[in-house]
Amino acid sequence: MRAVNLLPDDRRGSRRASPLAALRRQPLLLLAIVVAIAVVAGLGFELRSASSTVNARQQALRDLSAQLAKLPKARPAASTPTAAQKASRAVVVSTVAAQRTTWDGFLSALSRVIPEDVWLLNLSASSASASTTTGTPSTSVPTAFTVSGYTYSQPSVARLMRRLRLVPWLDDISLTTSSKTSLNDHVVYQFTLGANVIPIPEVKS
């Protein structure tokens, strides 16, 4: 039996085409949609990655700031000395150097002037405190010198005093005591001489 379509002519028509069928007929459009989806997905991934990197760096910055806050504060640098302070220090150094006594040279000169008939028992030097006006610690400068010993006669004591005047470090040599005594069954004179020490700076070649 033959089928008959009873619908009016304006209601008649074919089934609506599927959107996928239309896309199949237009492959360029399908490719464009796929590319657009890929671009959007890529941008989303990049945004998430950038946001994660920023958060990590901000956290690292906060950690560094916390560590810096725990560090002790640096002490202020010492002020640079002025020209006047440098000149004052140079004067102090020169003064102290001029007051130094070269004891090796002093003892060497002393040993060369002692007469053969005199032997020494004791050498001593007292010191006076020489302070400066710049607030630096005082420097001890030997000023008084004492020598004692034995000899066989008073003329030998006088000869020793004359010899000591040849030592450039000594000044104001004077006789403190001189007395006759017995030493190992010999009559000798025990003497004590005093003098002042003149500081002589060391001469460098």
Foldseek 3Di string as FASTA:
>chain_A
DDDDDPDDPVPDDDDDDDPVVVCVVPVVVVVVVVVVVVVVVVVVVVVVVVVVVVVVVVVVVVVVVVVVVPDDDDDDDDDDDDPVVVVVVVVVVVVVLQLDAPVVVQVVLLVVLQDPQWDWDDKDWDWDWDDDPPPDGTDTHTWKIKTKTKGADPVSVVSSQVSVVVRVQWADKDWDDWDWDADPNGIIIITMIMTTGRGHRDDDD
